[in-house]
Every structure is written in structure tokens, then in C-alpha cells.
């Protein structure tokens, strides 16, 4: 009941909540995203910086390399 939850320690309440979620909506570890999955992370930054005049700069590239 609700009053007994109020007197319960926090860790026990979290354990009960986790148990209820697992009981009614189980989540398989195989269906979660694996390590290195890039669908949810931040997007990679663009390597080309474009100026107002349309010129391109490559700030992360090697400055001593000259493109052909």
C-alpha cells in the first residue's frame, strides 16, 4: 500500500519499482543497443568549416598537406 511505501527505505523502493517494470514490461538485453551503436549518440562534427564567402577550411586536418 502507499503508506507503507513512504516508510520504506529508498533502495527498497527502487528495487520494488524495478521488479514491477520487469514483471510487466520485460526488456531483453539482446534487444538493447550494443556497444558502439551510433544511432543514439551525438552526431560527429563536420570536418569542413565553410566561411561566409564560400571558402572551405579543414581545421581538423593536417595543415601541411596540400590538396591537389
PDB file of N, CA and C in Angstrom:
ATOM      1  N   UNK A   1       0.837  -1.195   0.000  1.00  0.00           N
ATOM      2  CA  UNK A   1       0.000   0.000   0.000  1.00  0.00           C
ATOM      3  C   UNK A   1       0.869   1.242   0.000  1.00  0.00           C
ATOM      4  N   UNK A   2       0.289   2.375  -0.317  1.00  0.00           N
ATOM      5  CA  UNK A   2       1.036   3.623  -0.441  1.00  0.00           C
ATOM      6  C   UNK A   2       1.670   4.085   0.864  1.00  0.00           C
ATOM      7  N   UNK A   3       0.983   4.022   2.015  1.00  0.00           N
ATOM      8  CA  UNK A   3       1.634   4.478   3.249  1.00  0.00           C
ATOM      9  C   UNK A   3       2.854   3.645   3.616  1.00  0.00           C
ATOM     10  N   UNK A   4       2.823   2.351   3.325  1.00  0.00           N
ATOM     11  CA  UNK A   4       3.993   1.534   3.655  1.00  0.00           C
ATOM     12  C   UNK A   4       5.165   1.848   2.730  1.00  0.00           C
ATOM     13  N   UNK A   5       4.896   2.312   1.523  1.00  0.00           N
ATOM     14  CA  UNK A   5       5.974   2.723   0.627  1.00  0.00           C
ATOM     15  C   UNK A   5       6.675   3.971   1.144  1.00  0.00           C
ATOM     16  N   UNK A   6       5.943   4.861   1.787  1.00  0.00           N
ATOM     17  CA  UNK A   6       6.537   6.100   2.289  1.00  0.00           C
ATOM     18  C   UNK A   6       7.538   5.820   3.401  1.00  0.00           C
ATOM     19  N   UNK A   7       7.292   4.801   4.206  1.00  0.00           N
ATOM     20  CA  UNK A   7       8.190   4.470   5.310  1.00  0.00           C
ATOM     21  C   UNK A   7       9.333   3.558   4.876  1.00  0.00           C
ATOM     22  N   UNK A   8       9.282   3.064   3.662  1.00  0.00           N
ATOM     23  CA  UNK A   8      10.267   2.110   3.175  1.00  0.00           C
ATOM     24  C   UNK A   8      11.570   2.827   2.800  1.00  0.00           C
ATOM     25  N   UNK A   9      12.728   2.196   3.016  1.00  0.00           N
ATOM     26  CA  UNK A   9      13.995   2.809   2.586  1.00  0.00           C
ATOM     27  C   UNK A   9      14.027   3.006   1.064  1.00  0.00           C
ATOM     28  N   UNK A  10      14.821   3.978   0.626  1.00  0.00           N
ATOM     29  CA  UNK A  10      14.856   4.349  -0.794  1.00  0.00           C
ATOM     30  C   UNK A  10      15.321   3.186  -1.669  1.00  0.00           C
ATOM     31  N   UNK A  11      16.347   2.476  -1.242  1.00  0.00           N
ATOM     32  CA  UNK A  11      16.858   1.366  -2.053  1.00  0.00           C
ATOM     33  C   UNK A  11      15.803   0.273  -2.234  1.00  0.00           C
ATOM     34  N   UNK A  12      15.035   0.024  -1.196  1.00  0.00           N
ATOM     35  CA  UNK A  12      13.984  -0.990  -1.294  1.00  0.00           C
ATOM     36  C   UNK A  12      12.877  -0.535  -2.234  1.00  0.00           C
ATOM     37  N   UNK A  13      12.520   0.755  -2.174  1.00  0.00           N
ATOM     38  CA  UNK A  13      11.502   1.281  -3.098  1.00  0.00           C
ATOM     39  C   UNK A  13      11.967   1.145  -4.535  1.00  0.00           C
ATOM     40  N   UNK A  14      13.245   1.484  -4.804  1.00  0.00           N
ATOM     41  CA  UNK A  14      13.781   1.347  -6.161  1.00  0.00           C
ATOM     42  C   UNK A  14      13.772  -0.111  -6.605  1.00  0.00           C
ATOM     43  N   UNK A  15      14.091  -1.020  -5.686  1.00  0.00           N
ATOM     44  CA  UNK A  15      14.082  -2.445  -6.032  1.00  0.00           C
ATOM     45  C   UNK A  15      12.671  -2.908  -6.385  1.00  0.00           C
ATOM     46  N   UNK A  16      11.679  -2.462  -5.618  1.00  0.00           N
ATOM     47  CA  UNK A  16      10.293  -2.824  -5.918  1.00  0.00           C
ATOM     48  C   UNK A  16       9.854  -2.249  -7.265  1.00  0.00           C
ATOM     49  N   UNK A  17      10.244  -1.013  -7.548  1.00  0.00           N
ATOM     50  CA  UNK A  17       9.862  -0.389  -8.817  1.00  0.00           C
ATOM     51  C   UNK A  17      10.495  -1.126  -9.993  1.00  0.00           C
ATOM     52  N   UNK A  18      11.762  -1.510  -9.848  1.00  0.00           N
ATOM     53  CA  UNK A  18      12.443  -2.256 -10.909  1.00  0.00           C
ATOM     54  C   UNK A  18      11.777  -3.610 -11.120  1.00  0.00           C
ATOM     55  N   UNK A  19      11.400  -4.257 -10.034  1.00  0.00           N
ATOM     56  CA  UNK A  19      10.736  -5.549 -10.129  1.00  0.00           C
ATOM     57  C   UNK A  19       9.397  -5.426 -10.847  1.00  0.00           C
ATOM     58  N   UNK A  20       8.634  -4.387 -10.550  1.00  0.00           N
ATOM     59  CA  UNK A  20       7.352  -4.185 -11.218  1.00  0.00           C
ATOM     60  C   UNK A  20       7.533  -3.934 -12.712  1.00  0.00           C
ATOM     61  N   UNK A  21       8.530  -3.124 -13.074  1.00  0.00           N
ATOM     62  CA  UNK A  21       8.779  -2.864 -14.502  1.00  0.00           C
ATOM     63  C   UNK A  21       9.174  -4.152 -15.208  1.00  0.00           C
ATOM     64  N   UNK A  22      10.028  -4.943 -14.584  1.00  0.00           N
ATOM     65  CA  UNK A  22      10.485  -6.183 -15.210  1.00  0.00           C
ATOM     66  C   UNK A  22       9.346  -7.184 -15.347  1.00  0.00           C
ATOM     67  N   UNK A  23       8.433  -7.154 -14.410  1.00  0.00           N
ATOM     68  CA  UNK A  23       7.327  -8.105 -14.440  1.00  0.00           C
ATOM     69  C   UNK A  23       6.337  -7.788 -15.550  1.00  0.00           C
ATOM     70  N   UNK A  24       6.042  -6.513 -15.749  1.00  0.00           N
ATOM     71  CA  UNK A  24       5.009  -6.132 -16.700  1.00  0.00           C
ATOM     72  C   UNK A  24       5.549  -5.776 -18.088  1.00  0.00           C
ATOM     73  N   UNK A  25       6.777  -5.331 -18.171  1.00  0.00           N
ATOM     74  CA  UNK A  25       7.356  -4.952 -19.462  1.00  0.00           C
ATOM     75  C   UNK A  25       8.815  -5.400 -19.501  1.00  0.00           C
ATOM     76  N   UNK A  26       9.058  -6.686 -19.663  1.00  0.00           N
ATOM     77  CA  UNK A  26      10.441  -7.169 -19.648  1.00  0.00           C
ATOM     78  C   UNK A  26      11.231  -6.652 -20.851  1.00  0.00           C
ATOM     79  N   UNK A  27      12.481  -6.357 -20.618  1.00  0.00           N
ATOM     80  CA  UNK A  27      13.373  -5.869 -21.667  1.00  0.00           C
ATOM     81  C   UNK A  27      14.528  -6.859 -21.782  1.00  0.00           C
ATOM     82  N   UNK A  28      14.715  -7.392 -22.953  1.00  0.00           N
ATOM     83  CA  UNK A  28      15.813  -8.323 -23.175  1.00  0.00           C
ATOM     84  C   UNK A  28      17.091  -7.555 -23.464  1.00  0.00           C
ATOM     85  N   UNK A  29      18.186  -8.007 -22.897  1.00  0.00           N
ATOM     86  CA  UNK A  29      19.463  -7.344 -23.127  1.00  0.00           C
ATOM     87  C   UNK A  29      19.876  -7.447 -24.593  1.00  0.00           C
ATOM     88  N   UNK A  30      19.451  -8.498 -25.280  1.00  0.00           N
ATOM     89  CA  UNK A  30      19.826  -8.656 -26.683  1.00  0.00           C
ATOM     90  C   UNK A  30      19.118  -7.648 -27.579  1.00  0.00           C
ATOM     91  N   UNK A  31      18.014  -7.054 -27.106  1.00  0.00           N
ATOM     92  CA  UNK A  31      17.292  -6.073 -27.913  1.00  0.00           C
ATOM     93  C   UNK A  31      17.768  -4.651 -27.674  1.00  0.00           C
ATOM     94  N   UNK A  32      18.612  -4.462 -26.683  1.00  0.00           N
ATOM     95  CA  UNK A  32      19.141  -3.127 -26.425  1.00  0.00           C
ATOM     96  C   UNK A  32      20.264  -2.843 -27.413  1.00  0.00           C
ATOM     97  N   UNK A  33      20.680  -1.611 -27.449  1.00  0.00           N
ATOM     98  CA  UNK A  33      21.763  -1.219 -28.342  1.00  0.00           C
ATOM     99  C   UNK A  33      23.081  -1.766 -27.818  1.00  0.00           C
ATOM    100  N   UNK A  34      23.871  -2.287 -28.709  1.00  0.00           N
ATOM    101  CA  UNK A  34      25.158  -2.813 -28.322  1.00  0.00           C
ATOM    102  C   UNK A  34      26.197  -1.714 -28.198  1.00  0.00           C
ATOM    103  N   UNK A  35      27.384  -2.053 -27.732  1.00  0.00           N
ATOM    104  CA  UNK A  35      28.430  -1.044 -27.624  1.00  0.00           C
ATOM    105  C   UNK A  35      28.854  -0.564 -29.010  1.00  0.00           C
ATOM    106  N   UNK A  36      29.053   0.718 -29.146  1.00  0.00           N
ATOM    107  CA  UNK A  36      29.448   1.283 -30.428  1.00  0.00           C
ATOM    108  C   UNK A  36      28.287   1.578 -31.348  1.00  0.00           C
ATOM    109  N   UNK A  37      27.070   1.407 -30.887  1.00  0.00           N
ATOM    110  CA  UNK A  37      25.902   1.723 -31.706  1.00  0.00           C
ATOM    111  C   UNK A  37      25.814   3.233 -31.838  1.00  0.00           C
ATOM    112  N   UNK A  38      25.806   3.736 -33.033  1.00  0.00           N
ATOM    113  CA  UNK A  38      25.864   5.188 -33.230  1.00  0.00           C
ATOM    114  C   UNK A  38      24.495   5.805 -33.467  1.00  0.00           C
ATOM    115  N   UNK A  39      23.423   5.066 -33.233  1.00  0.00           N
ATOM    116  CA  UNK A  39      22.103   5.620 -33.522  1.00  0.00           C
ATOM    117  C   UNK A  39      21.635   6.607 -32.458  1.00  0.00           C
ATOM    118  N   UNK A  40      22.098   6.486 -31.235  1.00  0.00           N
ATOM    119  CA  UNK A  40      21.594   7.333 -30.151  1.00  0.00           C
ATOM    120  C   UNK A  40      22.614   8.357 -29.666  1.00  0.00           C
ATOM    121  N   UNK A  41      23.846   8.226 -30.048  1.00  0.00           N
ATOM    122  CA  UNK A  41      24.874   9.126 -29.549  1.00  0.00           C
ATOM    123  C   UNK A  41      24.879  10.455 -30.263  1.00  0.00           C
ATOM    124  N   UNK A  42      25.870  11.247 -29.936  1.00  0.00           N
ATOM    125  CA  UNK A  42      25.987  12.548 -30.587  1.00  0.00           C
ATOM    126  C   UNK A  42      26.469  12.367 -32.020  1.00  0.00           C
ATOM    127  N   UNK A  43      26.074  13.268 -32.868  1.00  0.00           N
ATOM    128  CA  UNK A  43      26.467  13.202 -34.268  1.00  0.00           C
ATOM    129  C   UNK A  43      27.903  13.714 -34.412  1.00  0.00           C
ATOM    130  N   UNK A  44      28.682  13.116 -35.299  1.00  0.00           N
ATOM    131  CA  UNK A  44      30.048  13.603 -35.482  1.00  0.00           C
ATOM    132  C   UNK A  44      30.052  15.006 -36.073  1.00  0.00           C
ATOM    133  N   UNK A  45      31.007  15.786 -35.631  1.00  0.00           N
ATOM    134  CA  UNK A  45      31.074  17.154 -36.132  1.00  0.00           C
ATOM    135  C   UNK A  45      31.590  17.164 -37.569  1.00  0.00           C
ATOM    136  N   UNK A  46      31.224  18.187 -38.290  1.00  0.00           N
ATOM    137  CA  UNK A  46      31.671  18.296 -39.670  1.00  0.00           C
ATOM    138  C   UNK A  46      33.138  18.690 -39.685  1.00  0.00           C
ATOM    139  N   UNK A  47      33.902  18.085 -40.581  1.00  0.00           N
ATOM    140  CA  UNK A  47      35.326  18.386 -40.649  1.00  0.00           C
ATOM    141  C   UNK A  47      35.604  19.584 -41.531  1.00  0.00           C
ATOM    142  N   UNK A  48      34.626  20.040 -42.283  1.00  0.00           N
ATOM    143  CA  UNK A  48      34.808  21.176 -43.176  1.00  0.00           C
ATOM    144  C   UNK A  48      34.099  22.392 -42.597  1.00  0.00           C
ATOM    145  N   UNK A  49      34.853  23.472 -42.424  1.00  0.00           N
ATOM    146  CA  UNK A  49      34.250  24.728 -41.984  1.00  0.00           C
ATOM    147  C   UNK A  49      34.120  25.624 -43.208  1.00  0.00           C
ATOM    148  N   UNK A  50      32.936  26.144 -43.440  1.00  0.00           N
ATOM    149  CA  UNK A  50      32.686  26.983 -44.605  1.00  0.00           C
ATOM    150  C   UNK A  50      32.576  28.432 -44.159  1.00  0.00           C
ATOM    151  N   UNK A  51      33.330  29.306 -44.805  1.00  0.00           N
ATOM    152  CA  UNK A  51      33.292  30.728 -44.483  1.00  0.00           C
ATOM    153  C   UNK A  51      32.122  31.424 -45.140  1.00  0.00           C
ATOM    154  N   UNK A  52      31.953  32.726 -44.812  1.00  0.00           N
ATOM    155  CA  UNK A  52      30.845  33.490 -45.383  1.00  0.00           C
ATOM    156  C   UNK A  52      30.993  33.663 -46.894  1.00  0.00           C
ATOM    157  N   UNK A  53      32.235  33.703 -47.360  1.00  0.00           N
ATOM    158  CA  UNK A  53      32.461  33.874 -48.794  1.00  0.00           C
ATOM    159  C   UNK A  53      32.441  32.549 -49.556  1.00  0.00           C
ATOM    160  N   UNK A  54      32.193  31.444 -48.860  1.00  0.00           N
ATOM    161  CA  UNK A  54      32.121  30.146 -49.515  1.00  0.00           C
ATOM    162  C   UNK A  54      33.425  29.375 -49.483  1.00  0.00           C
ATOM    163  N   UNK A  55      34.477  29.972 -48.919  1.00  0.00           N
ATOM    164  CA  UNK A  55      35.754  29.271 -48.846  1.00  0.00           C
ATOM    165  C   UNK A  55      35.674  28.157 -47.803  1.00  0.00           C
ATOM    166  N   UNK A  56      36.436  27.117 -48.040  1.00  0.00           N
ATOM    167  CA  UNK A  56      36.418  25.975 -47.143  1.00  0.00           C
ATOM    168  C   UNK A  56      37.722  25.911 -46.367  1.00  0.00           C
ATOM    169  N   UNK A  57      37.610  25.512 -45.119  1.00  0.00           N
ATOM    170  CA  UNK A  57      38.780  25.288 -44.278  1.00  0.00           C
ATOM    171  C   UNK A  57      38.602  23.928 -43.613  1.00  0.00           C
ATOM    172  N   UNK A  58      39.692  23.267 -43.367  1.00  0.00           N
ATOM    173  CA  UNK A  58      39.672  21.953 -42.749  1.00  0.00           C
ATOM    174  C   UNK A  58      40.440  22.039 -41.428  1.00  0.00           C
ATOM    175  N   UNK A  59      39.796  22.488 -40.352  1.00  0.00           N
ATOM    176  CA  UNK A  59      40.506  22.739 -39.104  1.00  0.00           C
ATOM    177  C   UNK A  59      41.059  21.490 -38.430  1.00  0.00           C
ATOM    178  N   UNK A  60      40.479  20.329 -38.663  1.00  0.00           N
ATOM    179  CA  UNK A  60      40.964  19.121 -38.002  1.00  0.00           C
ATOM    180  C   UNK A  60      41.968  18.358 -38.857  1.00  0.00           C
ATOM    181  N   UNK A  61      42.178  18.782 -40.060  1.00  0.00           N
ATOM    182  CA  UNK A  61      43.093  18.067 -40.945  1.00  0.00           C
ATOM    183  C   UNK A  61      44.518  18.567 -40.745  1.00  0.00           C
ATOM    184  N   UNK A  62      45.436  17.927 -41.397  1.00  0.00           N
ATOM    185  CA  UNK A  62      46.848  18.302 -41.300  1.00  0.00           C
ATOM    186  C   UNK A  62      47.102  19.565 -42.115  1.00  0.00           C
ATOM    187  N   UNK A  63      47.592  20.633 -41.480  1.00  0.00           N
ATOM    188  CA  UNK A  63      47.763  21.890 -42.208  1.00  0.00           C
ATOM    189  C   UNK A  63      48.887  21.841 -43.248  1.00  0.00           C
ATOM    190  N   UNK A  64      49.823  20.926 -43.103  1.00  0.00           N
ATOM    191  CA  UNK A  64      50.930  20.881 -44.044  1.00  0.00           C
ATOM    192  C   UNK A  64      50.585  20.108 -45.315  1.00  0.00           C
ATOM    193  N   UNK A  65      49.438  19.450 -45.345  1.00  0.00           N
ATOM    194  CA  UNK A  65      49.033  18.716 -46.533  1.00  0.00           C
ATOM    195  C   UNK A  65      48.368  19.675 -47.517  1.00  0.00           C
ATOM    196  N   UNK A  66      48.750  19.615 -48.755  1.00  0.00           N
ATOM    197  CA  UNK A  66      48.171  20.460 -49.793  1.00  0.00           C
ATOM    198  C   UNK A  66      47.322  19.573 -50.691  1.00  0.00           C
ATOM    199  N   UNK A  67      46.079  19.947 -50.866  1.00  0.00           N
ATOM    200  CA  UNK A  67      45.209  19.136 -51.710  1.00  0.00           C
ATOM    201  C   UNK A  67      45.513  19.408 -53.175  1.00  0.00           C
ATOM    202  N   UNK A  68      45.209  18.459 -54.004  1.00  0.00           N
ATOM    203  CA  UNK A  68      45.513  18.582 -55.434  1.00  0.00           C
ATOM    204  C   UNK A  68      44.303  18.999 -56.212  1.00  0.00           C
TER     205      UNK A  68
END
